[in-house]
Amino acid sequence: MKKVVSLLALSLLFLPGAALAFCPVCTIAVGAGIGFSRYLGIDDTITGLWVGGLLISLSMWTIDWLEKKRKKTSLSLSILIFVLYYALVLIPLYYTNFIGHPLNRFWGLDKLILGTLIGSIFFFAAGAWYQYLKKRNGNKPHFPWQKVIMPVSTLIILSFIFYFITR
């Protein structure tokens, strides 16, 4: 079964697609960042930053896909998509005791939740900033891979900041 799922996921990389809210490279980079940080034992706040970026990216992908299929997506459906993605990730983390441990807090919040919130906000803001800059430049990016570099570099910078804060 795992081989079938892996093969299906791999085949999606070869399907043609239009420009989405966040590009596939961003999402793959964020996903790789999550796995890599957990493997290295990096603080949960930093891991949460990447979880938040991944959830924003997946939510925006889904909304864009639905807009292409339905021609318009309502605000309530968009909110439902965000809530579902966050619930699908955070609820299992809570029940497996990754979230909620009383000694795993920073600024009064669970480190993973805090990182997820901050990562979500900044990843979304970086994507919105990219769209704004692109629009002001005649709907063209200022440099190659700007759509990837802006959101991912935001998460990298935040990771360094939280590394030194939580050390």
N, C-alpha and C. Protein backbone atom coordinates (compact mmCIF):
# COMPACT_ATOMS: atom_id res chain seq x y z
N MET A 1 0.82 -1.19 0.00
CA MET A 1 0.00 0.00 0.00
C MET A 1 0.87 1.26 0.00
N LYS A 2 1.96 1.23 0.79
CA LYS A 2 2.85 2.39 0.85
C LYS A 2 3.48 2.66 -0.51
N LYS A 3 3.79 1.58 -1.25
CA LYS A 3 4.39 1.76 -2.56
C LYS A 3 3.41 2.41 -3.53
N VAL A 4 2.14 2.06 -3.43
CA VAL A 4 1.11 2.64 -4.30
C VAL A 4 0.96 4.13 -4.01
N VAL A 5 0.88 4.47 -2.73
CA VAL A 5 0.74 5.87 -2.34
C VAL A 5 1.97 6.67 -2.77
N SER A 6 3.16 6.11 -2.56
CA SER A 6 4.39 6.79 -2.96
C SER A 6 4.45 6.99 -4.47
N LEU A 7 4.06 5.98 -5.22
CA LEU A 7 4.06 6.08 -6.68
C LEU A 7 3.06 7.12 -7.15
N LEU A 8 1.89 7.15 -6.53
CA LEU A 8 0.88 8.15 -6.89
C LEU A 8 1.39 9.56 -6.58
N ALA A 9 1.98 9.74 -5.41
CA ALA A 9 2.51 11.05 -5.04
C ALA A 9 3.62 11.48 -5.99
N LEU A 10 4.49 10.55 -6.35
CA LEU A 10 5.58 10.86 -7.28
C LEU A 10 5.04 11.21 -8.66
N SER A 11 4.00 10.53 -9.11
CA SER A 11 3.44 10.81 -10.43
C SER A 11 2.83 12.21 -10.50
N LEU A 12 2.40 12.75 -9.38
CA LEU A 12 1.83 14.10 -9.38
C LEU A 12 2.87 15.16 -9.74
N LEU A 13 4.13 14.86 -9.52
CA LEU A 13 5.18 15.80 -9.87
C LEU A 13 5.29 16.02 -11.38
N PHE A 14 4.83 15.05 -12.16
CA PHE A 14 4.99 15.12 -13.61
C PHE A 14 3.74 15.63 -14.32
N LEU A 15 2.70 15.97 -13.57
CA LEU A 15 1.50 16.53 -14.18
C LEU A 15 1.71 18.01 -14.47
N PRO A 16 1.24 18.49 -15.60
CA PRO A 16 1.37 19.92 -15.88
C PRO A 16 0.43 20.69 -14.97
N GLY A 17 0.84 21.88 -14.60
CA GLY A 17 0.00 22.69 -13.73
C GLY A 17 0.20 24.16 -14.00
N ALA A 18 -0.77 24.93 -13.57
CA ALA A 18 -0.70 26.38 -13.72
C ALA A 18 -0.01 26.98 -12.51
N ALA A 19 0.27 28.25 -12.58
CA ALA A 19 0.88 28.95 -11.44
C ALA A 19 -0.10 28.95 -10.28
N LEU A 20 0.35 28.53 -9.13
CA LEU A 20 -0.51 28.44 -7.95
C LEU A 20 -0.07 29.48 -6.93
N ALA A 21 -0.84 29.58 -5.86
CA ALA A 21 -0.53 30.58 -4.84
C ALA A 21 0.88 30.41 -4.30
N PHE A 22 1.25 29.19 -4.03
CA PHE A 22 2.62 28.87 -3.61
C PHE A 22 3.06 27.72 -4.49
N CYS A 23 4.24 27.82 -5.01
CA CYS A 23 4.68 26.83 -5.99
C CYS A 23 4.99 25.48 -5.32
N PRO A 24 5.01 24.42 -6.10
CA PRO A 24 5.32 23.10 -5.56
C PRO A 24 6.70 23.02 -4.93
N VAL A 25 7.67 23.75 -5.47
CA VAL A 25 9.02 23.73 -4.90
C VAL A 25 8.99 24.26 -3.47
N CYS A 26 8.20 25.32 -3.24
CA CYS A 26 8.06 25.87 -1.87
C CYS A 26 7.53 24.80 -0.92
N THR A 27 6.49 24.13 -1.36
CA THR A 27 5.85 23.14 -0.50
C THR A 27 6.79 21.98 -0.22
N ILE A 28 7.52 21.54 -1.23
CA ILE A 28 8.47 20.45 -1.02
C ILE A 28 9.60 20.89 -0.09
N ALA A 29 10.06 22.13 -0.27
CA ALA A 29 11.13 22.65 0.60
C ALA A 29 10.66 22.74 2.05
N VAL A 30 9.42 23.17 2.24
CA VAL A 30 8.87 23.26 3.60
C VAL A 30 8.73 21.87 4.20
N GLY A 31 8.20 20.94 3.43
CA GLY A 31 8.06 19.56 3.92
C GLY A 31 9.40 18.94 4.28
N ALA A 32 10.39 19.19 3.44
CA ALA A 32 11.73 18.68 3.74
C ALA A 32 12.29 19.33 5.00
N GLY A 33 12.01 20.61 5.18
CA GLY A 33 12.47 21.32 6.38
C GLY A 33 11.88 20.73 7.65
N ILE A 34 10.62 20.34 7.60
CA ILE A 34 9.97 19.74 8.77
C ILE A 34 10.65 18.43 9.13
N GLY A 35 10.78 17.55 8.16
CA GLY A 35 11.40 16.26 8.43
C GLY A 35 12.83 16.39 8.89
N PHE A 36 13.56 17.28 8.26
CA PHE A 36 14.97 17.48 8.60
C PHE A 36 15.13 18.02 10.02
N SER A 37 14.30 18.98 10.39
CA SER A 37 14.42 19.57 11.73
C SER A 37 14.05 18.57 12.82
N ARG A 38 13.04 17.77 12.60
CA ARG A 38 12.66 16.75 13.59
C ARG A 38 13.77 15.70 13.71
N TYR A 39 14.35 15.33 12.59
CA TYR A 39 15.42 14.34 12.58
C TYR A 39 16.63 14.83 13.37
N LEU A 40 16.95 16.10 13.25
CA LEU A 40 18.10 16.67 13.93
C LEU A 40 17.83 17.07 15.39
N GLY A 41 16.60 16.95 15.82
CA GLY A 41 16.26 17.29 17.20
C GLY A 41 16.20 18.79 17.44
N ILE A 42 15.86 19.54 16.42
CA ILE A 42 15.76 21.00 16.54
C ILE A 42 14.52 21.35 17.36
N ASP A 43 14.57 22.47 18.05
CA ASP A 43 13.49 22.92 18.93
C ASP A 43 12.14 22.91 18.21
N ASP A 44 11.09 22.56 18.94
CA ASP A 44 9.75 22.47 18.37
C ASP A 44 9.23 23.80 17.84
N THR A 45 9.70 24.90 18.37
CA THR A 45 9.28 26.20 17.86
C THR A 45 9.73 26.35 16.41
N ILE A 46 10.93 25.95 16.14
CA ILE A 46 11.46 26.05 14.78
C ILE A 46 10.75 25.06 13.86
N THR A 47 10.50 23.86 14.34
CA THR A 47 9.75 22.89 13.55
C THR A 47 8.36 23.43 13.24
N GLY A 48 7.75 24.06 14.23
CA GLY A 48 6.43 24.65 14.04
C GLY A 48 6.40 25.72 12.97
N LEU A 49 7.47 26.48 12.83
CA LEU A 49 7.54 27.48 11.76
C LEU A 49 7.32 26.82 10.41
N TRP A 50 7.99 25.70 10.21
CA TRP A 50 7.90 24.98 8.93
C TRP A 50 6.55 24.29 8.77
N VAL A 51 5.98 23.80 9.87
CA VAL A 51 4.64 23.21 9.82
C VAL A 51 3.64 24.29 9.37
N GLY A 52 3.75 25.48 9.96
CA GLY A 52 2.85 26.57 9.59
C GLY A 52 2.98 26.95 8.12
N GLY A 53 4.21 27.02 7.62
CA GLY A 53 4.42 27.32 6.21
C GLY A 53 3.83 26.26 5.31
N LEU A 54 4.00 25.01 5.68
CA LEU A 54 3.46 23.91 4.89
C LEU A 54 1.93 23.96 4.87
N LEU A 55 1.32 24.21 6.02
CA LEU A 55 -0.15 24.26 6.08
C LEU A 55 -0.72 25.41 5.26
N ILE A 56 -0.06 26.56 5.30
CA ILE A 56 -0.52 27.68 4.48
C ILE A 56 -0.39 27.32 2.99
N SER A 57 0.73 26.74 2.63
CA SER A 57 0.95 26.38 1.24
C SER A 57 -0.09 25.37 0.75
N LEU A 58 -0.33 24.33 1.53
CA LEU A 58 -1.32 23.32 1.14
C LEU A 58 -2.73 23.90 1.08
N SER A 59 -3.06 24.76 2.02
CA SER A 59 -4.39 25.39 2.03
C SER A 59 -4.58 26.24 0.78
N MET A 60 -3.58 27.05 0.45
CA MET A 60 -3.69 27.92 -0.71
C MET A 60 -3.73 27.11 -2.01
N TRP A 61 -2.99 26.03 -2.08
CA TRP A 61 -3.05 25.15 -3.24
C TRP A 61 -4.46 24.63 -3.43
N THR A 62 -5.04 24.15 -2.35
CA THR A 62 -6.38 23.58 -2.41
C THR A 62 -7.40 24.62 -2.84
N ILE A 63 -7.31 25.81 -2.28
CA ILE A 63 -8.24 26.89 -2.64
C ILE A 63 -8.08 27.24 -4.12
N ASP A 64 -6.85 27.36 -4.59
CA ASP A 64 -6.61 27.66 -6.02
C ASP A 64 -7.18 26.56 -6.91
N TRP A 65 -6.98 25.31 -6.52
CA TRP A 65 -7.48 24.20 -7.31
C TRP A 65 -9.00 24.24 -7.38
N LEU A 66 -9.65 24.49 -6.23
CA LEU A 66 -11.11 24.57 -6.22
C LEU A 66 -11.62 25.75 -7.04
N GLU A 67 -10.90 26.87 -7.02
CA GLU A 67 -11.31 28.02 -7.82
C GLU A 67 -11.25 27.71 -9.30
N LYS A 68 -10.28 26.93 -9.70
CA LYS A 68 -10.19 26.55 -11.11
C LYS A 68 -11.33 25.60 -11.49
N LYS A 69 -11.74 24.75 -10.57
CA LYS A 69 -12.81 23.80 -10.84
C LYS A 69 -14.19 24.46 -10.75
N ARG A 70 -14.37 25.36 -9.77
CA ARG A 70 -15.69 25.94 -9.51
C ARG A 70 -15.81 27.37 -10.03
N LYS A 71 -14.74 27.95 -10.50
CA LYS A 71 -14.65 29.32 -10.98
C LYS A 71 -14.69 30.36 -9.86
N LYS A 72 -15.15 30.00 -8.69
CA LYS A 72 -15.15 30.93 -7.56
C LYS A 72 -15.26 30.11 -6.27
N THR A 73 -14.54 30.53 -5.26
CA THR A 73 -14.59 29.86 -3.97
C THR A 73 -15.08 30.86 -2.94
N SER A 74 -16.03 30.45 -2.13
CA SER A 74 -16.58 31.36 -1.12
C SER A 74 -15.59 31.51 0.04
N LEU A 75 -15.75 32.58 0.77
CA LEU A 75 -14.90 32.82 1.94
C LEU A 75 -15.10 31.72 2.98
N SER A 76 -16.34 31.27 3.16
CA SER A 76 -16.59 30.22 4.16
C SER A 76 -15.92 28.91 3.77
N LEU A 77 -15.89 28.59 2.48
CA LEU A 77 -15.22 27.37 2.03
C LEU A 77 -13.71 27.51 2.22
N SER A 78 -13.17 28.68 1.94
CA SER A 78 -11.73 28.91 2.15
C SER A 78 -11.36 28.76 3.61
N ILE A 79 -12.17 29.31 4.49
CA ILE A 79 -11.92 29.19 5.93
C ILE A 79 -12.01 27.72 6.36
N LEU A 80 -13.00 27.01 5.83
CA LEU A 80 -13.16 25.60 6.15
C LEU A 80 -11.92 24.80 5.72
N ILE A 81 -11.36 25.12 4.57
CA ILE A 81 -10.16 24.43 4.09
C ILE A 81 -9.00 24.66 5.06
N PHE A 82 -8.79 25.92 5.48
CA PHE A 82 -7.73 26.21 6.44
C PHE A 82 -7.95 25.44 7.74
N VAL A 83 -9.17 25.49 8.25
CA VAL A 83 -9.47 24.81 9.52
C VAL A 83 -9.24 23.31 9.40
N LEU A 84 -9.67 22.71 8.30
CA LEU A 84 -9.49 21.27 8.12
C LEU A 84 -8.02 20.88 8.06
N TYR A 85 -7.22 21.61 7.30
CA TYR A 85 -5.79 21.28 7.22
C TYR A 85 -5.11 21.41 8.59
N TYR A 86 -5.41 22.49 9.29
CA TYR A 86 -4.80 22.67 10.60
C TYR A 86 -5.27 21.58 11.57
N ALA A 87 -6.55 21.23 11.51
CA ALA A 87 -7.07 20.18 12.37
C ALA A 87 -6.45 18.83 12.04
N LEU A 88 -6.30 18.54 10.74
CA LEU A 88 -5.72 17.26 10.32
C LEU A 88 -4.27 17.09 10.78
N VAL A 89 -3.59 18.18 11.02
CA VAL A 89 -2.21 18.11 11.48
C VAL A 89 -2.12 18.23 13.01
N LEU A 90 -2.78 19.23 13.56
CA LEU A 90 -2.59 19.54 14.98
C LEU A 90 -3.32 18.57 15.93
N ILE A 91 -4.48 18.09 15.55
CA ILE A 91 -5.20 17.16 16.44
C ILE A 91 -4.42 15.85 16.63
N PRO A 92 -3.93 15.21 15.56
CA PRO A 92 -3.11 14.01 15.79
C PRO A 92 -1.85 14.30 16.62
N LEU A 93 -1.24 15.48 16.41
CA LEU A 93 -0.06 15.83 17.20
C LEU A 93 -0.42 15.98 18.67
N TYR A 94 -1.61 16.46 18.95
CA TYR A 94 -2.08 16.59 20.33
C TYR A 94 -2.29 15.21 20.96
N TYR A 95 -2.96 14.33 20.23
CA TYR A 95 -3.26 13.01 20.78
C TYR A 95 -2.05 12.09 20.86
N THR A 96 -0.99 12.42 20.15
CA THR A 96 0.25 11.64 20.27
C THR A 96 1.24 12.33 21.20
N ASN A 97 0.78 13.33 21.92
CA ASN A 97 1.55 14.05 22.94
C ASN A 97 2.74 14.85 22.40
N PHE A 98 2.71 15.22 21.12
CA PHE A 98 3.69 16.16 20.61
C PHE A 98 3.33 17.57 21.04
N ILE A 99 2.03 17.81 21.20
CA ILE A 99 1.52 19.11 21.63
C ILE A 99 0.87 18.92 22.99
N GLY A 100 1.12 19.87 23.88
CA GLY A 100 0.43 19.87 25.15
C GLY A 100 1.27 19.53 26.36
N HIS A 101 2.52 19.17 26.16
CA HIS A 101 3.38 18.85 27.30
C HIS A 101 3.66 20.13 28.08
N PRO A 102 3.45 20.13 29.40
CA PRO A 102 3.59 21.37 30.18
C PRO A 102 5.01 21.95 30.20
N LEU A 103 6.03 21.15 29.95
CA LEU A 103 7.40 21.65 29.95
C LEU A 103 7.87 22.09 28.56
N ASN A 104 7.00 21.96 27.59
CA ASN A 104 7.36 22.32 26.21
C ASN A 104 6.65 23.62 25.81
N ARG A 105 6.83 24.65 26.62
CA ARG A 105 6.16 25.94 26.40
C ARG A 105 7.17 27.04 26.20
N PHE A 106 6.74 28.04 25.44
CA PHE A 106 7.54 29.24 25.22
C PHE A 106 6.56 30.39 25.05
N TRP A 107 6.77 31.46 25.77
CA TRP A 107 5.88 32.63 25.77
C TRP A 107 4.45 32.22 26.15
N GLY A 108 4.30 31.21 26.97
CA GLY A 108 3.00 30.78 27.45
C GLY A 108 2.24 29.84 26.53
N LEU A 109 2.78 29.53 25.37
CA LEU A 109 2.13 28.63 24.42
C LEU A 109 3.01 27.41 24.18
N ASP A 110 2.37 26.34 23.76
CA ASP A 110 3.12 25.17 23.34
C ASP A 110 4.05 25.57 22.20
N LYS A 111 5.29 25.10 22.23
CA LYS A 111 6.28 25.52 21.24
C LYS A 111 5.87 25.19 19.80
N LEU A 112 5.29 24.02 19.60
CA LEU A 112 4.90 23.64 18.25
C LEU A 112 3.75 24.51 17.74
N ILE A 113 2.79 24.81 18.60
CA ILE A 113 1.68 25.67 18.21
C ILE A 113 2.16 27.10 17.97
N LEU A 114 3.02 27.60 18.85
CA LEU A 114 3.57 28.95 18.67
C LEU A 114 4.31 29.05 17.34
N GLY A 115 5.17 28.11 17.06
CA GLY A 115 5.90 28.11 15.80
C GLY A 115 4.97 28.00 14.60
N THR A 116 3.94 27.18 14.72
CA THR A 116 2.98 27.03 13.62
C THR A 116 2.25 28.34 13.35
N LEU A 117 1.83 29.02 14.40
CA LEU A 117 1.15 30.31 14.23
C LEU A 117 2.06 31.34 13.57
N ILE A 118 3.26 31.47 14.10
CA ILE A 118 4.20 32.47 13.56
C ILE A 118 4.61 32.10 12.13
N GLY A 119 4.90 30.84 11.89
CA GLY A 119 5.26 30.39 10.55
C GLY A 119 4.14 30.62 9.56
N SER A 120 2.90 30.35 9.97
CA SER A 120 1.74 30.56 9.09
C SER A 120 1.60 32.03 8.71
N ILE A 121 1.68 32.89 9.70
CA ILE A 121 1.51 34.32 9.47
C ILE A 121 2.60 34.85 8.54
N PHE A 122 3.85 34.53 8.83
CA PHE A 122 4.95 35.07 8.05
C PHE A 122 5.03 34.44 6.65
N PHE A 123 4.72 33.15 6.52
CA PHE A 123 4.74 32.52 5.20
C PHE A 123 3.66 33.12 4.32
N PHE A 124 2.46 33.31 4.89
CA PHE A 124 1.37 33.94 4.15
C PHE A 124 1.73 35.37 3.76
N ALA A 125 2.30 36.10 4.70
CA ALA A 125 2.69 37.50 4.44
C ALA A 125 3.75 37.57 3.34
N ALA A 126 4.71 36.65 3.35
CA ALA A 126 5.75 36.65 2.31
C ALA A 126 5.14 36.36 0.94
N GLY A 127 4.18 35.45 0.88
CA GLY A 127 3.51 35.16 -0.38
C GLY A 127 2.69 36.35 -0.87
N ALA A 128 2.01 37.02 0.05
CA ALA A 128 1.23 38.21 -0.31
C ALA A 128 2.15 39.33 -0.76
N TRP A 129 3.29 39.48 -0.10
CA TRP A 129 4.26 40.51 -0.46
C TRP A 129 4.81 40.23 -1.86
N TYR A 130 5.09 38.96 -2.14
CA TYR A 130 5.55 38.60 -3.49
C TYR A 130 4.52 39.01 -4.54
N GLN A 131 3.24 38.68 -4.28
CA GLN A 131 2.19 39.03 -5.24
C GLN A 131 2.11 40.54 -5.44
N TYR A 132 2.24 41.30 -4.35
CA TYR A 132 2.22 42.76 -4.42
C TYR A 132 3.39 43.29 -5.25
N LEU A 133 4.60 42.80 -4.98
CA LEU A 133 5.78 43.25 -5.73
C LEU A 133 5.68 42.87 -7.20
N LYS A 134 5.17 41.69 -7.47
CA LYS A 134 5.02 41.23 -8.85
C LYS A 134 4.02 42.11 -9.59
N LYS A 135 2.92 42.44 -8.95
CA LYS A 135 1.90 43.28 -9.57
C LYS A 135 2.46 44.67 -9.89
N ARG A 136 3.26 45.21 -8.99
CA ARG A 136 3.86 46.54 -9.21
C ARG A 136 4.93 46.51 -10.30
N ASN A 137 5.40 45.32 -10.65
CA ASN A 137 6.43 45.18 -11.66
C ASN A 137 5.84 44.66 -12.98
N GLY A 138 4.59 45.00 -13.26
CA GLY A 138 3.98 44.57 -14.51
C GLY A 138 3.68 43.09 -14.56
N ASN A 139 3.33 42.51 -13.44
CA ASN A 139 3.03 41.07 -13.32
C ASN A 139 4.21 40.18 -13.68
N LYS A 140 5.41 40.67 -13.41
CA LYS A 140 6.63 39.89 -13.64
C LYS A 140 7.44 39.88 -12.35
N PRO A 141 8.05 38.75 -12.03
CA PRO A 141 8.93 38.73 -10.85
C PRO A 141 10.17 39.58 -11.09
N HIS A 142 10.76 40.05 -10.02
CA HIS A 142 11.96 40.88 -10.12
C HIS A 142 13.20 40.06 -10.45
N PHE A 143 13.20 38.79 -10.06
CA PHE A 143 14.34 37.92 -10.32
C PHE A 143 13.84 36.48 -10.39
N PRO A 144 14.59 35.60 -11.05
CA PRO A 144 14.17 34.19 -11.16
C PRO A 144 13.99 33.55 -9.78
N TRP A 145 12.99 32.73 -9.65
CA TRP A 145 12.69 31.97 -8.44
C TRP A 145 12.26 32.86 -7.27
N GLN A 146 11.87 34.09 -7.53
CA GLN A 146 11.44 34.99 -6.46
C GLN A 146 10.25 34.41 -5.70
N LYS A 147 9.35 33.74 -6.41
CA LYS A 147 8.17 33.15 -5.78
C LYS A 147 8.55 32.07 -4.76
N VAL A 148 9.66 31.42 -4.98
CA VAL A 148 10.15 30.38 -4.06
C VAL A 148 11.00 31.02 -2.95
N ILE A 149 11.88 31.89 -3.36
CA ILE A 149 12.87 32.44 -2.44
C ILE A 149 12.24 33.27 -1.33
N MET A 150 11.24 34.06 -1.65
CA MET A 150 10.67 34.95 -0.63
C MET A 150 10.03 34.19 0.54
N PRO A 151 9.10 33.26 0.30
CA PRO A 151 8.49 32.57 1.45
C PRO A 151 9.47 31.64 2.19
N VAL A 152 10.29 30.90 1.43
CA VAL A 152 11.20 29.96 2.07
C VAL A 152 12.30 30.69 2.84
N SER A 153 12.82 31.78 2.28
CA SER A 153 13.85 32.53 3.01
C SER A 153 13.28 33.16 4.27
N THR A 154 12.01 33.52 4.24
CA THR A 154 11.36 34.03 5.45
C THR A 154 11.38 32.99 6.55
N LEU A 155 11.06 31.74 6.20
CA LEU A 155 11.10 30.67 7.20
C LEU A 155 12.52 30.39 7.68
N ILE A 156 13.48 30.49 6.78
CA ILE A 156 14.88 30.26 7.17
C ILE A 156 15.34 31.34 8.14
N ILE A 157 15.03 32.60 7.84
CA ILE A 157 15.41 33.71 8.73
C ILE A 157 14.74 33.55 10.09
N LEU A 158 13.45 33.23 10.10
CA LEU A 158 12.76 33.01 11.37
C LEU A 158 13.35 31.83 12.14
N SER A 159 13.78 30.80 11.42
CA SER A 159 14.40 29.65 12.09
C SER A 159 15.68 30.07 12.81
N PHE A 160 16.50 30.88 12.17
CA PHE A 160 17.71 31.38 12.82
C PHE A 160 17.37 32.24 14.03
N ILE A 161 16.39 33.10 13.89
CA ILE A 161 15.98 33.97 15.01
C ILE A 161 15.54 33.12 16.20
N PHE A 162 14.66 32.15 15.94
CA PHE A 162 14.17 31.32 17.04
C PHE A 162 15.24 30.37 17.57
N TYR A 163 16.19 30.02 16.74
CA TYR A 163 17.30 29.21 17.24
C TYR A 163 18.03 29.96 18.35
N PHE A 164 18.31 31.23 18.11
CA PHE A 164 19.04 32.00 19.12
C PHE A 164 18.16 32.39 20.30
N ILE A 165 16.88 32.58 20.08
CA ILE A 165 15.96 32.91 21.19
C ILE A 165 15.77 31.73 22.12
N THR A 166 15.62 30.53 21.55
CA THR A 166 15.29 29.35 22.36
C THR A 166 16.51 28.58 22.85
N ARG A 167 17.69 29.01 22.47
CA ARG A 167 18.90 28.31 22.86
C ARG A 167 19.14 28.30 24.33
